[in-house]
C-alpha atoms as a PDB file:
ATOM      1  CA  MET A   1      78.243 242.899 198.289  1.00  0.00           C
ATOM      2  CA  ASP A   2      79.300 244.364 195.054  1.00  0.00           C
ATOM      3  CA  PHE A   3      82.797 245.833 194.752  1.00  0.00           C
ATOM      4  CA  ASP A   4      84.036 248.283 192.135  1.00  0.00           C
ATOM      5  CA  TRP A   5      87.615 247.223 191.199  1.00  0.00           C
ATOM      6  CA  LEU A   6      87.999 249.354 188.076  1.00  0.00           C
ATOM      7  CA  ASP A   7      91.050 251.546 188.328  1.00  0.00           C
ATOM      8  CA  ALA A   8      91.913 250.627 191.861  1.00  0.00           C
ATOM      9  CA  PRO A   9      94.222 253.274 193.277  1.00  0.00           C
ATOM     10  CA  PHE A  10      96.559 250.612 194.890  1.00  0.00           C
ATOM     11  CA  ASP A  11      98.483 247.569 193.758  1.00  0.00           C
ATOM     12  CA  LEU A  12      96.076 244.587 193.548  1.00  0.00           C
ATOM     13  CA  ARG A  13      99.033 242.197 193.203  1.00  0.00           C
ATOM     14  CA  LYS A  14      99.986 242.774 196.874  1.00  0.00           C
ATOM     15  CA  ILE A  15      96.603 241.783 198.156  1.00  0.00           C
ATOM     16  CA  SER A  16      94.028 240.133 195.949  1.00  0.00           C
ATOM     17  CA  PRO A  17      90.532 241.478 195.507  1.00  0.00           C
ATOM     18  CA  LYS A  18      89.273 238.065 196.714  1.00  0.00           C
ATOM     19  CA  GLU A  19      91.030 238.364 200.054  1.00  0.00           C
ATOM     20  CA  ILE A  20      89.799 241.967 200.494  1.00  0.00           C
ATOM     21  CA  GLU A  21      86.273 240.840 199.793  1.00  0.00           C
ATOM     22  CA  GLU A  22      86.554 238.073 202.213  1.00  0.00           C
ATOM     23  CA  SER A  23      87.767 240.420 204.976  1.00  0.00           C
ATOM     24  CA  PHE A  24      84.516 242.402 204.392  1.00  0.00           C
ATOM     25  CA  GLU A  25      82.466 239.184 204.737  1.00  0.00           C
ATOM     26  CA  ASP A  26      84.301 238.217 207.897  1.00  0.00           C
ATOM     27  CA  PRO A  27      81.474 237.945 210.599  1.00  0.00           C
ATOM     28  CA  PHE A  28      83.813 239.507 213.056  1.00  0.00           C
ATOM     29  CA  SER A  29      84.999 242.395 210.865  1.00  0.00           C
ATOM     30  CA  LEU A  30      84.993 245.872 212.279  1.00  0.00           C
ATOM     31  CA  ARG A  31      83.731 248.803 210.278  1.00  0.00           C
ATOM     32  CA  LEU A  32      84.549 252.229 211.626  1.00  0.00           C
ATOM     33  CA  LEU A  33      83.799 255.786 210.608  1.00  0.00           C
ATOM     34  CA  PRO A  34      86.815 257.944 211.483  1.00  0.00           C
ATOM     35  CA  ASP A  35      86.216 261.212 213.359  1.00  0.00           C
ATOM     36  CA  GLY A  36      86.175 264.454 211.406  1.00  0.00           C
ATOM     37  CA  THR A  37      84.958 263.099 208.080  1.00  0.00           C
ATOM     38  CA  GLY A  38      83.123 265.218 205.579  1.00  0.00           C
ATOM     39  CA  SER A  39      79.594 264.765 204.312  1.00  0.00           C
ATOM     40  CA  ALA A  40      77.821 261.456 204.030  1.00  0.00           C
ATOM     41  CA  LYS A  41      78.485 261.427 200.313  1.00  0.00           C
ATOM     42  CA  THR A  42      82.187 261.551 200.710  1.00  0.00           C
ATOM     43  CA  ALA A  43      82.583 259.744 203.994  1.00  0.00           C
ATOM     44  CA  ARG A  44      85.301 257.111 204.056  1.00  0.00           C
ATOM     45  CA  TYR A  45      85.223 254.135 206.335  1.00  0.00           C
ATOM     46  CA  PHE A  46      87.768 251.669 207.795  1.00  0.00           C
ATOM     47  CA  ASN A  47      87.317 247.878 207.693  1.00  0.00           C
ATOM     48  CA  LEU A  48      89.360 245.462 209.740  1.00  0.00           C
ATOM     49  CA  GLY A  49      88.666 241.885 208.873  1.00  0.00           C
ATOM     50  CA  LYS A  50      90.271 238.554 208.183  1.00  0.00           C
ATOM     51  CA  SER A  51      90.300 236.621 204.861  1.00  0.00           C
ATOM     52  CA  MET A  52      89.572 232.884 204.706  1.00  0.00           C
ATOM     53  CA  SER A  53      93.311 232.233 204.993  1.00  0.00           C
ATOM     54  CA  ASP A  54      93.350 234.201 208.274  1.00  0.00           C
ATOM     55  CA  ARG A  55      95.201 237.166 206.699  1.00  0.00           C
ATOM     56  CA  GLY A  56      94.385 240.409 208.552  1.00  0.00           C
ATOM     57  CA  VAL A  57      93.249 243.111 206.122  1.00  0.00           C
ATOM     58  CA  PHE A  58      92.893 246.814 206.766  1.00  0.00           C
ATOM     59  CA  ALA A  59      90.861 248.661 204.124  1.00  0.00           C
ATOM     60  CA  VAL A  60      89.730 252.182 203.565  1.00  0.00           C
ATOM     61  CA  PHE A  61      86.505 252.419 201.462  1.00  0.00           C
ATOM     62  CA  TRP A  62      83.427 254.346 200.629  1.00  0.00           C
ATOM     63  CA  THR A  63      80.013 253.119 199.696  1.00  0.00           C
ATOM     64  CA  ASP A  64      76.883 254.284 198.209  1.00  0.00           C
ATOM     65  CA  GLY A  65      74.826 251.669 200.021  1.00  0.00           C
ATOM     66  CA  LYS A  66      74.925 249.328 196.961  1.00  0.00           C
ATOM     67  CA  SER A  67      78.459 248.919 195.920  1.00  0.00           C
ATOM     68  CA  TYR A  68      81.856 249.378 197.772  1.00  0.00           C
ATOM     69  CA  ARG A  69      84.906 251.140 196.359  1.00  0.00           C
ATOM     70  CA  VAL A  70      88.079 250.201 198.173  1.00  0.00           C
ATOM     71  CA  ILE A  71      90.560 253.121 198.200  1.00  0.00           C
ATOM     72  CA  LEU A  72      93.363 251.367 200.058  1.00  0.00           C
ATOM     73  CA  ALA A  73      94.087 247.856 201.303  1.00  0.00           C
ATOM     74  CA  ARG A  74      96.979 246.351 203.176  1.00  0.00           C
ATOM     75  CA  ASP A  75      97.919 243.878 205.817  1.00  0.00           C
ATOM     76  CA  MET A  76      96.914 244.895 209.387  1.00  0.00           C
ATOM     77  CA  THR A  77      99.691 246.191 211.516  1.00  0.00           C
ATOM     78  CA  PRO A  78     100.371 244.295 214.815  1.00  0.00           C
ATOM     79  CA  GLU A  79      98.520 247.186 216.682  1.00  0.00           C
ATOM     80  CA  GLU A  80      95.471 246.799 214.394  1.00  0.00           C
ATOM     81  CA  VAL A  81      95.445 242.985 214.933  1.00  0.00           C
ATOM     82  CA  THR A  82      95.477 243.678 218.668  1.00  0.00           C
ATOM     83  CA  PHE A  83      92.641 246.179 218.288  1.00  0.00           C
ATOM     84  CA  TYR A  84      90.643 243.707 216.178  1.00  0.00           C
ATOM     85  CA  GLU A  85      91.020 240.953 218.672  1.00  0.00           C
ATOM     86  CA  ARG A  86      90.356 243.134 221.733  1.00  0.00           C
ATOM     87  CA  LYS A  87      87.158 244.611 220.210  1.00  0.00           C
ATOM     88  CA  ASN A  88      85.890 241.112 219.273  1.00  0.00           C
ATOM     89  CA  SER A  89      86.726 239.880 222.748  1.00  0.00           C
ATOM     90  CA  GLU A  90      84.803 242.777 224.333  1.00  0.00           C
ATOM     91  CA  LEU A  91      81.782 241.906 222.121  1.00  0.00           C
ATOM     92  CA  GLY A  92      81.968 238.292 223.277  1.00  0.00           C
ATOM     93  CA  PHE A  93      83.220 236.669 220.065  1.00  0.00           C
END
């Protein structure tokens, strides 16, 4: 996966690019397309995944199929952690 970190619209000191990338590489990560999005060219997706240090990361991103542009990244809320764990449990992970 290639990520575009130029001029990231959020503070990369709060959560490192490495941890964000690891959350995308998490084999149990969940990628979701929110309801009511625009065209495929402007569609934004959600990713919930964990870094190698077990940090839960929520990210909003778009992709052109080759590279990823993260628009927002932050720690998962307790509700998102519950959702992540419940979905993985339902899938048998």
